[in-house]
Amino acid sequence: MLIRPERPSDVDTIRAVTAAAFAGAPYAAPAVEPDGVPGEATLVTWLRADPAWIPGLSLVAEDYGALVGHVVCTRGDLGGTPALGLGPLSVLPERQGTGVGAALVRAVLTAAAERGEDTVVLLGEPAYYQRFGFVPAADEGVEPPVAEWGPYFQVLRLAPDGPRGSFAYAAPFDRLG
């Protein structure tokens, strides 16, 4: 399996992978376009057109020439300081649980660290993300955009003494409602 930055020719396949990954998931965002795909697939399109998009932090997993997963980090704001929001993370249903997602997360965190980023936040399952070093955001003085997210809102410090305060994702996240 190869993890690499997304290419312009990957855009349609990334949308299909993201739609498949979130189809029927109880936590998926509702469709926001007439095609009925989960909102996460449209979100990636919106993010790509937003100033918060960081091309080197949109990665795909390719296996024998086929895209099987995608992850993205975009610029957010943490108490007036730039920080990253990780997600969506998408893996084709038939490849979930095979290490594709973990490989993508490790690769995007490495790429973020190499860029000198100091903080990454996400909304996700604590049991999954703690293996990468994520901890409850509240433990690090980071407040979620939605208080009810509680322990599902997590943070990873790539540098010591990162910023604290309220986190705001890139503007396209707000369009999901």
C-alpha atoms as a PDB file:
ATOM      1  CA  MET A   1       0.000   0.000   0.000  1.00  0.00           C
ATOM      2  CA  LEU A   2       1.216   3.469  -0.918  1.00  0.00           C
ATOM      3  CA  ILE A   3       0.303   6.612   1.040  1.00  0.00           C
ATOM      4  CA  ARG A   4       0.725   9.740  -1.068  1.00  0.00           C
ATOM      5  CA  PRO A   5      -0.599  13.291  -1.442  1.00  0.00           C
ATOM      6  CA  GLU A   6      -3.822  13.568  -3.389  1.00  0.00           C
ATOM      7  CA  ARG A   7      -3.610  14.517  -7.068  1.00  0.00           C
ATOM      8  CA  PRO A   8      -6.183  16.446  -9.105  1.00  0.00           C
ATOM      9  CA  SER A   9      -7.098  13.190 -10.860  1.00  0.00           C
ATOM     10  CA  ASP A  10      -8.067  11.682  -7.457  1.00  0.00           C
ATOM     11  CA  VAL A  11     -10.874  14.130  -6.633  1.00  0.00           C
ATOM     12  CA  ASP A  12     -13.817  12.079  -7.949  1.00  0.00           C
ATOM     13  CA  THR A  13     -12.485   8.858  -6.443  1.00  0.00           C
ATOM     14  CA  ILE A  14     -11.932  10.533  -3.060  1.00  0.00           C
ATOM     15  CA  ARG A  15     -15.575  11.639  -3.116  1.00  0.00           C
ATOM     16  CA  ALA A  16     -16.681   8.074  -3.896  1.00  0.00           C
ATOM     17  CA  VAL A  17     -14.456   6.578  -1.178  1.00  0.00           C
ATOM     18  CA  THR A  18     -15.711   9.103   1.385  1.00  0.00           C
ATOM     19  CA  ALA A  19     -19.347   8.504   0.414  1.00  0.00           C
ATOM     20  CA  ALA A  20     -18.897   4.730   0.708  1.00  0.00           C
ATOM     21  CA  ALA A  21     -17.055   5.017   4.028  1.00  0.00           C
ATOM     22  CA  PHE A  22     -19.824   7.048   5.656  1.00  0.00           C
ATOM     23  CA  ALA A  23     -22.864   5.483   3.947  1.00  0.00           C
ATOM     24  CA  GLY A  24     -25.161   4.141   6.630  1.00  0.00           C
ATOM     25  CA  ALA A  25     -22.843   5.105   9.494  1.00  0.00           C
ATOM     26  CA  PRO A  26     -24.896   6.261  12.494  1.00  0.00           C
ATOM     27  CA  TYR A  27     -22.577   9.231  13.021  1.00  0.00           C
ATOM     28  CA  ALA A  28     -22.457  10.354   9.367  1.00  0.00           C
ATOM     29  CA  ALA A  29     -23.492  13.883   8.512  1.00  0.00           C
ATOM     30  CA  PRO A  30     -26.781  14.119   6.605  1.00  0.00           C
ATOM     31  CA  ALA A  31     -26.641  14.619   2.848  1.00  0.00           C
ATOM     32  CA  VAL A  32     -26.388  18.264   1.837  1.00  0.00           C
ATOM     33  CA  GLU A  33     -26.660  17.828  -1.928  1.00  0.00           C
ATOM     34  CA  PRO A  34     -29.332  16.167  -4.065  1.00  0.00           C
ATOM     35  CA  ASP A  35     -27.107  13.171  -4.842  1.00  0.00           C
ATOM     36  CA  GLY A  36     -27.825  11.881  -1.328  1.00  0.00           C
ATOM     37  CA  VAL A  37     -24.236  11.060  -0.368  1.00  0.00           C
ATOM     38  CA  PRO A  38     -23.219  11.591   3.259  1.00  0.00           C
ATOM     39  CA  GLY A  39     -22.245  15.158   4.075  1.00  0.00           C
ATOM     40  CA  GLU A  40     -18.601  14.206   4.665  1.00  0.00           C
ATOM     41  CA  ALA A  41     -18.144  13.619   0.918  1.00  0.00           C
ATOM     42  CA  THR A  42     -19.430  17.101   0.117  1.00  0.00           C
ATOM     43  CA  LEU A  43     -17.425  18.564   3.006  1.00  0.00           C
ATOM     44  CA  VAL A  44     -14.156  17.446   1.414  1.00  0.00           C
ATOM     45  CA  THR A  45     -15.164  19.235  -1.798  1.00  0.00           C
ATOM     46  CA  TRP A  46     -15.988  22.405   0.133  1.00  0.00           C
ATOM     47  CA  LEU A  47     -12.733  22.208   2.101  1.00  0.00           C
ATOM     48  CA  ARG A  48     -10.694  21.864  -1.081  1.00  0.00           C
ATOM     49  CA  ALA A  49     -12.082  25.253  -2.210  1.00  0.00           C
ATOM     50  CA  ASP A  50     -11.483  26.951   1.152  1.00  0.00           C
ATOM     51  CA  PRO A  51      -8.405  28.949   2.292  1.00  0.00           C
ATOM     52  CA  ALA A  52      -8.041  26.432   5.159  1.00  0.00           C
ATOM     53  CA  TRP A  53      -7.043  23.713   2.646  1.00  0.00           C
ATOM     54  CA  ILE A  54      -3.430  22.533   2.924  1.00  0.00           C
ATOM     55  CA  PRO A  55      -2.616  20.433  -0.175  1.00  0.00           C
ATOM     56  CA  GLY A  56       0.218  18.482   1.466  1.00  0.00           C
ATOM     57  CA  LEU A  57      -2.154  17.336   4.220  1.00  0.00           C
ATOM     58  CA  SER A  58      -4.680  15.611   1.964  1.00  0.00           C
ATOM     59  CA  LEU A  59      -3.411  12.057   1.596  1.00  0.00           C
ATOM     60  CA  VAL A  60      -4.709   8.942  -0.111  1.00  0.00           C
ATOM     61  CA  ALA A  61      -4.031   5.256   0.396  1.00  0.00           C
ATOM     62  CA  GLU A  62      -3.497   3.450  -2.890  1.00  0.00           C
ATOM     63  CA  ASP A  63      -3.399  -0.330  -3.124  1.00  0.00           C
ATOM     64  CA  TYR A  64      -2.487  -1.924  -6.451  1.00  0.00           C
ATOM     65  CA  GLY A  65      -3.475   1.290  -8.207  1.00  0.00           C
ATOM     66  CA  ALA A  66      -6.870   1.634  -6.514  1.00  0.00           C
ATOM     67  CA  LEU A  67      -7.656   4.335  -3.950  1.00  0.00           C
ATOM     68  CA  VAL A  68      -8.896   2.689  -0.773  1.00  0.00           C
ATOM     69  CA  GLY A  69      -8.704   5.561   1.719  1.00  0.00           C
ATOM     70  CA  HIS A  70      -8.303   9.296   2.280  1.00  0.00           C
ATOM     71  CA  VAL A  71      -7.506  11.639   5.153  1.00  0.00           C
ATOM     72  CA  VAL A  72      -7.261  15.400   5.377  1.00  0.00           C
ATOM     73  CA  CYS A  73      -6.157  18.013   7.889  1.00  0.00           C
ATOM     74  CA  THR A  74      -7.261  21.596   7.406  1.00  0.00           C
ATOM     75  CA  ARG A  75      -6.446  24.845   9.144  1.00  0.00           C
ATOM     76  CA  GLY A  76      -8.533  25.724  12.157  1.00  0.00           C
ATOM     77  CA  ASP A  77      -8.225  28.241  14.956  1.00  0.00           C
ATOM     78  CA  LEU A  78      -7.397  27.439  18.558  1.00  0.00           C
ATOM     79  CA  GLY A  79      -7.739  30.428  20.835  1.00  0.00           C
ATOM     80  CA  GLY A  80      -6.481  32.779  18.116  1.00  0.00           C
ATOM     81  CA  THR A  81      -3.612  30.483  17.087  1.00  0.00           C
ATOM     82  CA  PRO A  82      -3.497  28.287  13.969  1.00  0.00           C
ATOM     83  CA  ALA A  83      -4.112  24.591  14.613  1.00  0.00           C
ATOM     84  CA  LEU A  84      -5.181  21.618  12.505  1.00  0.00           C
ATOM     85  CA  GLY A  85      -8.468  19.771  12.381  1.00  0.00           C
ATOM     86  CA  LEU A  86      -8.104  16.154  11.243  1.00  0.00           C
ATOM     87  CA  GLY A  87     -10.934  14.672   9.222  1.00  0.00           C
ATOM     88  CA  PRO A  88     -12.726  13.274   7.582  1.00  0.00           C
ATOM     89  CA  LEU A  89     -10.814   9.990   7.582  1.00  0.00           C
ATOM     90  CA  SER A  90     -12.375   7.650   5.016  1.00  0.00           C
ATOM     91  CA  VAL A  91     -11.647   4.013   4.203  1.00  0.00           C
ATOM     92  CA  LEU A  92     -13.646   1.813   1.834  1.00  0.00           C
ATOM     93  CA  PRO A  93     -15.914  -0.424   3.918  1.00  0.00           C
ATOM     94  CA  GLU A  94     -14.285  -3.627   2.685  1.00  0.00           C
ATOM     95  CA  ARG A  95     -10.871  -2.310   3.790  1.00  0.00           C
ATOM     96  CA  GLN A  96     -11.883  -1.004   7.218  1.00  0.00           C
ATOM     97  CA  GLY A  97     -10.098  -2.798  10.028  1.00  0.00           C
ATOM     98  CA  THR A  98      -7.118  -3.726   7.842  1.00  0.00           C
ATOM     99  CA  GLY A  99      -4.734  -0.930   8.866  1.00  0.00           C
ATOM    100  CA  VAL A 100      -5.490   1.508   6.046  1.00  0.00           C
ATOM    101  CA  GLY A 101      -6.942   4.139   8.378  1.00  0.00           C
ATOM    102  CA  ALA A 102      -4.087   3.799  10.854  1.00  0.00           C
ATOM    103  CA  ALA A 103      -1.527   4.188   8.065  1.00  0.00           C
ATOM    104  CA  LEU A 104      -3.286   7.330   6.828  1.00  0.00           C
ATOM    105  CA  VAL A 105      -3.467   8.863  10.310  1.00  0.00           C
ATOM    106  CA  ARG A 106       0.209   8.164  10.994  1.00  0.00           C
ATOM    107  CA  ALA A 107       1.195   9.623   7.611  1.00  0.00           C
ATOM    108  CA  VAL A 108      -0.846  12.822   7.991  1.00  0.00           C
ATOM    109  CA  LEU A 109       0.446  13.360  11.540  1.00  0.00           C
ATOM    110  CA  THR A 110       4.017  12.893  10.327  1.00  0.00           C
ATOM    111  CA  ALA A 111       3.414  15.355   7.486  1.00  0.00           C
ATOM    112  CA  ALA A 112       1.902  17.855   9.943  1.00  0.00           C
ATOM    113  CA  ALA A 113       4.879  17.548  12.292  1.00  0.00           C
ATOM    114  CA  GLU A 114       7.288  18.020   9.373  1.00  0.00           C
ATOM    115  CA  ARG A 115       5.441  21.259   8.516  1.00  0.00           C
ATOM    116  CA  GLY A 116       6.021  22.498  12.067  1.00  0.00           C
ATOM    117  CA  GLU A 117       2.401  22.248  13.160  1.00  0.00           C
ATOM    118  CA  ASP A 118       1.956  22.031  16.907  1.00  0.00           C
ATOM    119  CA  THR A 119      -1.638  20.923  17.551  1.00  0.00           C
ATOM    120  CA  VAL A 120      -4.103  18.576  15.840  1.00  0.00           C
ATOM    121  CA  VAL A 121      -7.694  18.120  17.005  1.00  0.00           C
ATOM    122  CA  LEU A 122     -10.401  15.736  15.878  1.00  0.00           C
ATOM    123  CA  LEU A 123     -13.839  14.431  16.623  1.00  0.00           C
ATOM    124  CA  GLY A 124     -13.707  10.653  16.774  1.00  0.00           C
ATOM    125  CA  GLU A 125     -13.774   7.437  18.753  1.00  0.00           C
ATOM    126  CA  PRO A 126     -11.348   7.699  21.697  1.00  0.00           C
ATOM    127  CA  ALA A 127     -10.586   3.965  21.703  1.00  0.00           C
ATOM    128  CA  TYR A 128      -9.344   4.252  18.116  1.00  0.00           C
ATOM    129  CA  TYR A 129      -7.414   7.513  18.235  1.00  0.00           C
ATOM    130  CA  GLN A 130      -5.634   7.102  21.586  1.00  0.00           C
ATOM    131  CA  ARG A 131      -3.146   4.733  19.888  1.00  0.00           C
ATOM    132  CA  PHE A 132      -1.835   7.765  17.987  1.00  0.00           C
ATOM    133  CA  GLY A 133      -1.423   9.824  21.158  1.00  0.00           C
ATOM    134  CA  PHE A 134      -4.717  11.727  21.117  1.00  0.00           C
ATOM    135  CA  VAL A 135      -6.159  12.585  24.525  1.00  0.00           C
ATOM    136  CA  PRO A 136      -9.430  14.214  25.585  1.00  0.00           C
ATOM    137  CA  ALA A 137      -9.175  17.848  24.520  1.00  0.00           C
ATOM    138  CA  ALA A 138     -10.460  19.015  27.894  1.00  0.00           C
ATOM    139  CA  ASP A 139      -7.324  17.536  29.504  1.00  0.00           C
ATOM    140  CA  GLU A 140      -5.272  19.960  27.405  1.00  0.00           C
ATOM    141  CA  GLY A 141      -7.429  23.033  27.907  1.00  0.00           C
ATOM    142  CA  VAL A 142      -9.002  22.804  24.443  1.00  0.00           C
ATOM    143  CA  GLU A 143     -12.738  23.416  24.143  1.00  0.00           C
ATOM    144  CA  PRO A 144     -14.817  21.827  21.364  1.00  0.00           C
ATOM    145  CA  PRO A 145     -17.062  23.832  19.065  1.00  0.00           C
ATOM    146  CA  VAL A 146     -19.980  21.778  20.460  1.00  0.00           C
ATOM    147  CA  ALA A 147     -19.913  21.097  24.205  1.00  0.00           C
ATOM    148  CA  GLU A 148     -21.790  17.791  23.846  1.00  0.00           C
ATOM    149  CA  TRP A 149     -18.862  16.257  21.957  1.00  0.00           C
ATOM    150  CA  GLY A 150     -17.166  15.698  25.333  1.00  0.00           C
ATOM    151  CA  PRO A 151     -14.617  12.876  25.260  1.00  0.00           C
ATOM    152  CA  TYR A 152     -14.995  12.393  21.479  1.00  0.00           C
ATOM    153  CA  PHE A 153     -13.256  15.719  20.905  1.00  0.00           C
ATOM    154  CA  GLN A 154      -9.543  15.002  21.193  1.00  0.00           C
ATOM    155  CA  VAL A 155      -6.183  16.675  20.779  1.00  0.00           C
ATOM    156  CA  LEU A 156      -2.644  15.662  19.940  1.00  0.00           C
ATOM    157  CA  ARG A 157       0.234  17.989  20.758  1.00  0.00           C
ATOM    158  CA  LEU A 158       3.019  17.759  18.190  1.00  0.00           C
ATOM    159  CA  ALA A 159       4.998  20.351  20.136  1.00  0.00           C
ATOM    160  CA  PRO A 160       5.023  21.036  23.868  1.00  0.00           C
ATOM    161  CA  ASP A 161       2.956  23.834  25.335  1.00  0.00           C
ATOM    162  CA  GLY A 162       0.519  24.194  22.477  1.00  0.00           C
ATOM    163  CA  PRO A 163      -2.264  26.761  22.514  1.00  0.00           C
ATOM    164  CA  ARG A 164      -5.376  26.442  24.667  1.00  0.00           C
ATOM    165  CA  GLY A 165      -8.870  27.812  24.286  1.00  0.00           C
ATOM    166  CA  SER A 166     -11.822  27.242  21.979  1.00  0.00           C
ATOM    167  CA  PHE A 167     -11.266  25.433  18.705  1.00  0.00           C
ATOM    168  CA  ALA A 168     -13.017  26.427  15.483  1.00  0.00           C
ATOM    169  CA  TYR A 169     -12.869  24.187  12.430  1.00  0.00           C
ATOM    170  CA  ALA A 170     -12.526  25.622   8.922  1.00  0.00           C
ATOM    171  CA  ALA A 171     -15.692  27.443   7.810  1.00  0.00           C
ATOM    172  CA  PRO A 172     -17.003  24.607   5.566  1.00  0.00           C
ATOM    173  CA  PHE A 173     -17.601  22.435   8.630  1.00  0.00           C
ATOM    174  CA  ASP A 174     -20.269  24.941   9.744  1.00  0.00           C
ATOM    175  CA  ARG A 175     -22.176  24.334   6.500  1.00  0.00           C
ATOM    176  CA  LEU A 176     -22.915  20.751   7.550  1.00  0.00           C
ATOM    177  CA  GLY A 177     -25.350  22.081  10.123  1.00  0.00           C
END
